[in-house]
Amino acid sequence: MQSFDSAMQREVYRYLHSWASDVKALAKQLVPVRTGYLRSTIYAKIQEWVAEIGAEAAYALFVELGTRHMRAQPYLYPAIQEYLPQLEDIICAAIDAAKTEAGL
């Protein structure tokens, strides 16, 4: 990504940011709600071409994976799985654009 020109980097970043926002929105729809706190802590951020999607609530992992006393109620994993094909399309489009730019 570092070798792309700045316009290409901005475009790929914009697509990646949009993808992460879509995953975050779906996770917020899927999360079980009792008080709404967990839903309010779901975040998506992009740093150095890495999308990080998660929740800051201390108990977020227990809801996602469950415990021996509570069944799992996944909300992040299904949201990410739903949008993985779009991420693959973004990556392939970036590679194709780089090849075209390089004259390959």
N, C-alpha and C. Protein backbone atom coordinates (compact mmCIF):
# COMPACT_ATOMS: atom_id res chain seq x y z
N MET A 1 0.82 -1.19 0.00
CA MET A 1 0.00 0.00 0.00
C MET A 1 0.87 1.26 0.00
N GLN A 2 2.04 1.17 0.61
CA GLN A 2 2.89 2.36 0.72
C GLN A 2 3.39 2.82 -0.65
N SER A 3 3.49 1.88 -1.63
CA SER A 3 4.01 2.26 -2.93
C SER A 3 2.93 2.84 -3.86
N PHE A 4 1.67 2.77 -3.47
CA PHE A 4 0.60 3.39 -4.26
C PHE A 4 0.77 4.90 -4.23
N ASP A 5 0.34 5.56 -5.29
CA ASP A 5 0.35 7.02 -5.23
C ASP A 5 -0.71 7.49 -4.23
N SER A 6 -0.62 8.75 -3.84
CA SER A 6 -1.47 9.23 -2.75
C SER A 6 -2.95 9.18 -3.09
N ALA A 7 -3.32 9.41 -4.35
CA ALA A 7 -4.73 9.35 -4.74
C ALA A 7 -5.26 7.92 -4.59
N MET A 8 -4.45 6.96 -4.98
CA MET A 8 -4.84 5.55 -4.88
C MET A 8 -4.97 5.16 -3.40
N GLN A 9 -4.03 5.60 -2.58
CA GLN A 9 -4.08 5.30 -1.15
C GLN A 9 -5.34 5.86 -0.52
N ARG A 10 -5.69 7.10 -0.88
CA ARG A 10 -6.91 7.70 -0.33
C ARG A 10 -8.16 6.92 -0.74
N GLU A 11 -8.18 6.48 -2.00
CA GLU A 11 -9.34 5.73 -2.49
C GLU A 11 -9.48 4.39 -1.76
N VAL A 12 -8.38 3.66 -1.63
CA VAL A 12 -8.42 2.37 -0.93
C VAL A 12 -8.78 2.58 0.53
N TYR A 13 -8.22 3.62 1.15
CA TYR A 13 -8.53 3.94 2.55
C TYR A 13 -10.03 4.24 2.70
N ARG A 14 -10.58 4.99 1.75
CA ARG A 14 -12.00 5.33 1.80
C ARG A 14 -12.86 4.07 1.72
N TYR A 15 -12.49 3.16 0.82
CA TYR A 15 -13.24 1.90 0.71
C TYR A 15 -13.10 1.06 1.98
N LEU A 16 -11.91 1.00 2.53
CA LEU A 16 -11.69 0.24 3.76
C LEU A 16 -12.47 0.85 4.92
N HIS A 17 -12.49 2.17 5.00
CA HIS A 17 -13.24 2.85 6.05
C HIS A 17 -14.74 2.58 5.91
N SER A 18 -15.23 2.60 4.70
CA SER A 18 -16.65 2.32 4.44
C SER A 18 -16.98 0.88 4.83
N TRP A 19 -16.08 -0.05 4.50
CA TRP A 19 -16.29 -1.46 4.85
C TRP A 19 -16.37 -1.62 6.36
N ALA A 20 -15.43 -1.02 7.07
CA ALA A 20 -15.41 -1.13 8.54
C ALA A 20 -16.66 -0.51 9.15
N SER A 21 -17.12 0.59 8.58
CA SER A 21 -18.35 1.23 9.08
C SER A 21 -19.57 0.33 8.88
N ASP A 22 -19.61 -0.37 7.75
CA ASP A 22 -20.71 -1.30 7.48
C ASP A 22 -20.70 -2.46 8.47
N VAL A 23 -19.52 -2.99 8.75
CA VAL A 23 -19.40 -4.09 9.72
C VAL A 23 -19.84 -3.61 11.10
N LYS A 24 -19.40 -2.43 11.49
CA LYS A 24 -19.77 -1.86 12.78
C LYS A 24 -21.29 -1.69 12.88
N ALA A 25 -21.91 -1.19 11.84
CA ALA A 25 -23.36 -0.98 11.85
C ALA A 25 -24.10 -2.31 11.99
N LEU A 26 -23.64 -3.35 11.29
CA LEU A 26 -24.29 -4.65 11.41
C LEU A 26 -24.08 -5.24 12.79
N ALA A 27 -22.88 -5.10 13.34
CA ALA A 27 -22.61 -5.60 14.69
C ALA A 27 -23.54 -4.94 15.70
N LYS A 28 -23.78 -3.63 15.52
CA LYS A 28 -24.69 -2.92 16.42
C LYS A 28 -26.12 -3.42 16.29
N GLN A 29 -26.49 -3.91 15.12
CA GLN A 29 -27.82 -4.49 14.94
C GLN A 29 -27.92 -5.87 15.57
N LEU A 30 -26.81 -6.63 15.52
CA LEU A 30 -26.83 -8.02 15.98
C LEU A 30 -26.60 -8.18 17.48
N VAL A 31 -25.96 -7.21 18.11
CA VAL A 31 -25.60 -7.35 19.52
C VAL A 31 -26.85 -7.45 20.40
N PRO A 32 -26.84 -8.37 21.36
CA PRO A 32 -27.97 -8.41 22.29
C PRO A 32 -27.96 -7.17 23.18
N VAL A 33 -29.14 -6.65 23.46
CA VAL A 33 -29.22 -5.39 24.21
C VAL A 33 -30.01 -5.59 25.49
N ARG A 34 -29.39 -5.25 26.59
CA ARG A 34 -30.08 -5.19 27.87
C ARG A 34 -30.14 -3.73 28.32
N THR A 35 -28.97 -3.11 28.42
CA THR A 35 -28.94 -1.70 28.80
C THR A 35 -28.53 -0.80 27.64
N GLY A 36 -27.91 -1.36 26.62
CA GLY A 36 -27.43 -0.58 25.48
C GLY A 36 -25.97 -0.18 25.59
N TYR A 37 -25.35 -0.45 26.75
CA TYR A 37 -23.96 -0.04 26.94
C TYR A 37 -23.02 -0.77 25.97
N LEU A 38 -23.16 -2.08 25.85
CA LEU A 38 -22.29 -2.84 24.96
C LEU A 38 -22.40 -2.31 23.53
N ARG A 39 -23.60 -2.10 23.08
CA ARG A 39 -23.81 -1.59 21.72
C ARG A 39 -23.12 -0.23 21.56
N SER A 40 -23.18 0.60 22.58
CA SER A 40 -22.59 1.94 22.47
C SER A 40 -21.06 1.91 22.43
N THR A 41 -20.44 0.80 22.82
CA THR A 41 -18.98 0.73 22.83
C THR A 41 -18.39 0.04 21.61
N ILE A 42 -19.24 -0.39 20.68
CA ILE A 42 -18.73 -1.03 19.46
C ILE A 42 -18.05 0.04 18.61
N TYR A 43 -16.86 -0.26 18.12
CA TYR A 43 -16.08 0.70 17.35
C TYR A 43 -15.48 0.06 16.12
N ALA A 44 -15.08 0.90 15.20
CA ALA A 44 -14.32 0.48 14.01
C ALA A 44 -13.29 1.57 13.75
N LYS A 45 -12.04 1.17 13.62
CA LYS A 45 -11.00 2.15 13.31
C LYS A 45 -10.00 1.55 12.34
N ILE A 46 -9.40 2.42 11.56
CA ILE A 46 -8.42 2.01 10.57
C ILE A 46 -7.09 2.67 10.95
N GLN A 47 -6.05 1.86 11.08
CA GLN A 47 -4.72 2.38 11.35
C GLN A 47 -3.72 1.61 10.52
N GLU A 48 -2.98 2.33 9.70
CA GLU A 48 -1.94 1.72 8.86
C GLU A 48 -2.48 0.54 8.07
N TRP A 49 -3.61 0.73 7.43
CA TRP A 49 -4.23 -0.24 6.53
C TRP A 49 -4.76 -1.47 7.24
N VAL A 50 -4.97 -1.37 8.53
CA VAL A 50 -5.55 -2.46 9.32
C VAL A 50 -6.87 -1.98 9.90
N ALA A 51 -7.93 -2.73 9.62
CA ALA A 51 -9.24 -2.41 10.18
C ALA A 51 -9.38 -3.15 11.51
N GLU A 52 -9.69 -2.41 12.56
CA GLU A 52 -9.92 -3.00 13.87
C GLU A 52 -11.37 -2.74 14.26
N ILE A 53 -12.08 -3.82 14.49
CA ILE A 53 -13.49 -3.72 14.85
C ILE A 53 -13.67 -4.48 16.15
N GLY A 54 -14.28 -3.85 17.13
CA GLY A 54 -14.43 -4.50 18.43
C GLY A 54 -15.39 -3.73 19.31
N ALA A 55 -15.36 -4.06 20.59
CA ALA A 55 -16.20 -3.37 21.57
C ALA A 55 -15.35 -3.14 22.82
N GLU A 56 -15.54 -2.01 23.44
CA GLU A 56 -14.73 -1.63 24.60
C GLU A 56 -15.32 -2.07 25.93
N ALA A 57 -16.55 -2.52 25.95
CA ALA A 57 -17.16 -2.96 27.21
C ALA A 57 -16.34 -4.13 27.77
N ALA A 58 -16.10 -4.11 29.06
CA ALA A 58 -15.27 -5.13 29.70
C ALA A 58 -15.83 -6.55 29.48
N TYR A 59 -17.11 -6.67 29.32
CA TYR A 59 -17.74 -7.98 29.18
C TYR A 59 -18.03 -8.36 27.73
N ALA A 60 -17.55 -7.58 26.77
CA ALA A 60 -17.85 -7.82 25.35
C ALA A 60 -17.43 -9.22 24.91
N LEU A 61 -16.27 -9.66 25.31
CA LEU A 61 -15.77 -10.98 24.94
C LEU A 61 -16.66 -12.09 25.49
N PHE A 62 -17.18 -11.92 26.70
CA PHE A 62 -18.03 -12.94 27.29
C PHE A 62 -19.34 -13.08 26.53
N VAL A 63 -19.87 -11.97 26.04
CA VAL A 63 -21.10 -12.03 25.25
C VAL A 63 -20.81 -12.70 23.92
N GLU A 64 -19.72 -12.31 23.28
CA GLU A 64 -19.37 -12.86 21.96
C GLU A 64 -19.09 -14.37 22.02
N LEU A 65 -18.31 -14.80 23.01
CA LEU A 65 -17.86 -16.20 23.06
C LEU A 65 -18.61 -17.05 24.08
N GLY A 66 -19.30 -16.42 25.01
CA GLY A 66 -19.99 -17.16 26.06
C GLY A 66 -19.06 -17.54 27.19
N THR A 67 -19.66 -18.07 28.23
CA THR A 67 -18.91 -18.58 29.37
C THR A 67 -19.52 -19.93 29.73
N ARG A 68 -19.03 -20.55 30.77
CA ARG A 68 -19.64 -21.82 31.17
C ARG A 68 -21.03 -21.62 31.78
N HIS A 69 -21.34 -20.37 32.14
CA HIS A 69 -22.64 -20.06 32.72
C HIS A 69 -23.59 -19.36 31.74
N MET A 70 -23.07 -18.96 30.59
CA MET A 70 -23.87 -18.17 29.65
C MET A 70 -23.54 -18.61 28.22
N ARG A 71 -24.56 -18.79 27.42
CA ARG A 71 -24.32 -19.19 26.03
C ARG A 71 -23.74 -18.02 25.25
N ALA A 72 -23.01 -18.34 24.21
CA ALA A 72 -22.44 -17.31 23.34
C ALA A 72 -23.56 -16.62 22.57
N GLN A 73 -23.40 -15.32 22.38
CA GLN A 73 -24.32 -14.52 21.57
C GLN A 73 -23.48 -13.67 20.61
N PRO A 74 -22.88 -14.33 19.62
CA PRO A 74 -21.96 -13.63 18.73
C PRO A 74 -22.62 -12.48 17.97
N TYR A 75 -21.90 -11.40 17.85
CA TYR A 75 -22.36 -10.24 17.10
C TYR A 75 -21.24 -9.68 16.22
N LEU A 76 -20.00 -9.76 16.66
CA LEU A 76 -18.88 -9.27 15.86
C LEU A 76 -18.51 -10.25 14.75
N TYR A 77 -18.33 -11.50 15.12
CA TYR A 77 -17.93 -12.50 14.13
C TYR A 77 -18.93 -12.61 12.98
N PRO A 78 -20.24 -12.71 13.25
CA PRO A 78 -21.18 -12.79 12.13
C PRO A 78 -21.17 -11.52 11.26
N ALA A 79 -20.97 -10.36 11.87
CA ALA A 79 -20.93 -9.12 11.09
C ALA A 79 -19.70 -9.11 10.17
N ILE A 80 -18.57 -9.54 10.70
CA ILE A 80 -17.36 -9.59 9.87
C ILE A 80 -17.52 -10.61 8.75
N GLN A 81 -18.05 -11.77 9.07
CA GLN A 81 -18.26 -12.82 8.07
C GLN A 81 -19.18 -12.34 6.95
N GLU A 82 -20.19 -11.58 7.30
CA GLU A 82 -21.15 -11.07 6.32
C GLU A 82 -20.47 -10.17 5.28
N TYR A 83 -19.49 -9.40 5.72
CA TYR A 83 -18.84 -8.42 4.84
C TYR A 83 -17.48 -8.85 4.32
N LEU A 84 -17.04 -10.07 4.59
CA LEU A 84 -15.74 -10.53 4.08
C LEU A 84 -15.67 -10.53 2.55
N PRO A 85 -16.72 -10.93 1.83
CA PRO A 85 -16.62 -10.88 0.37
C PRO A 85 -16.34 -9.46 -0.16
N GLN A 86 -16.93 -8.45 0.47
CA GLN A 86 -16.67 -7.08 0.03
C GLN A 86 -15.22 -6.68 0.30
N LEU A 87 -14.66 -7.15 1.42
CA LEU A 87 -13.25 -6.85 1.72
C LEU A 87 -12.35 -7.49 0.68
N GLU A 88 -12.67 -8.70 0.30
CA GLU A 88 -11.90 -9.38 -0.75
C GLU A 88 -11.97 -8.58 -2.06
N ASP A 89 -13.14 -8.07 -2.39
CA ASP A 89 -13.29 -7.26 -3.60
C ASP A 89 -12.44 -5.99 -3.52
N ILE A 90 -12.40 -5.36 -2.36
CA ILE A 90 -11.60 -4.14 -2.18
C ILE A 90 -10.12 -4.45 -2.39
N ILE A 91 -9.66 -5.55 -1.81
CA ILE A 91 -8.25 -5.93 -1.94
C ILE A 91 -7.91 -6.27 -3.38
N CYS A 92 -8.76 -7.04 -4.03
CA CYS A 92 -8.51 -7.41 -5.43
C CYS A 92 -8.51 -6.19 -6.34
N ALA A 93 -9.43 -5.25 -6.11
CA ALA A 93 -9.47 -4.04 -6.91
C ALA A 93 -8.20 -3.21 -6.71
N ALA A 94 -7.71 -3.15 -5.48
CA ALA A 94 -6.47 -2.41 -5.21
C ALA A 94 -5.28 -3.05 -5.91
N ILE A 95 -5.23 -4.37 -5.89
CA ILE A 95 -4.13 -5.08 -6.56
C ILE A 95 -4.21 -4.86 -8.07
N ASP A 96 -5.41 -4.96 -8.63
CA ASP A 96 -5.58 -4.73 -10.07
C ASP A 96 -5.18 -3.30 -10.46
N ALA A 97 -5.56 -2.34 -9.64
CA ALA A 97 -5.20 -0.94 -9.92
C ALA A 97 -3.69 -0.75 -9.85
N ALA A 98 -3.05 -1.41 -8.89
CA ALA A 98 -1.60 -1.30 -8.77
C ALA A 98 -0.91 -1.93 -9.97
N LYS A 99 -1.43 -3.06 -10.42
CA LYS A 99 -0.85 -3.71 -11.61
C LYS A 99 -1.02 -2.82 -12.85
N THR A 100 -2.18 -2.21 -12.97
CA THR A 100 -2.43 -1.32 -14.10
C THR A 100 -1.50 -0.12 -14.04
N GLU A 101 -1.35 0.43 -12.86
CA GLU A 101 -0.47 1.58 -12.67
C GLU A 101 0.97 1.24 -13.00
N ALA A 102 1.37 0.00 -12.68
CA ALA A 102 2.74 -0.44 -12.95
C ALA A 102 2.92 -0.89 -14.40
N GLY A 103 1.82 -0.97 -15.15
CA GLY A 103 1.91 -1.40 -16.55
C GLY A 103 2.04 -2.89 -16.71
N LEU A 104 1.52 -3.65 -15.78
CA LEU A 104 1.59 -5.11 -15.87
C LEU A 104 0.33 -5.71 -16.41
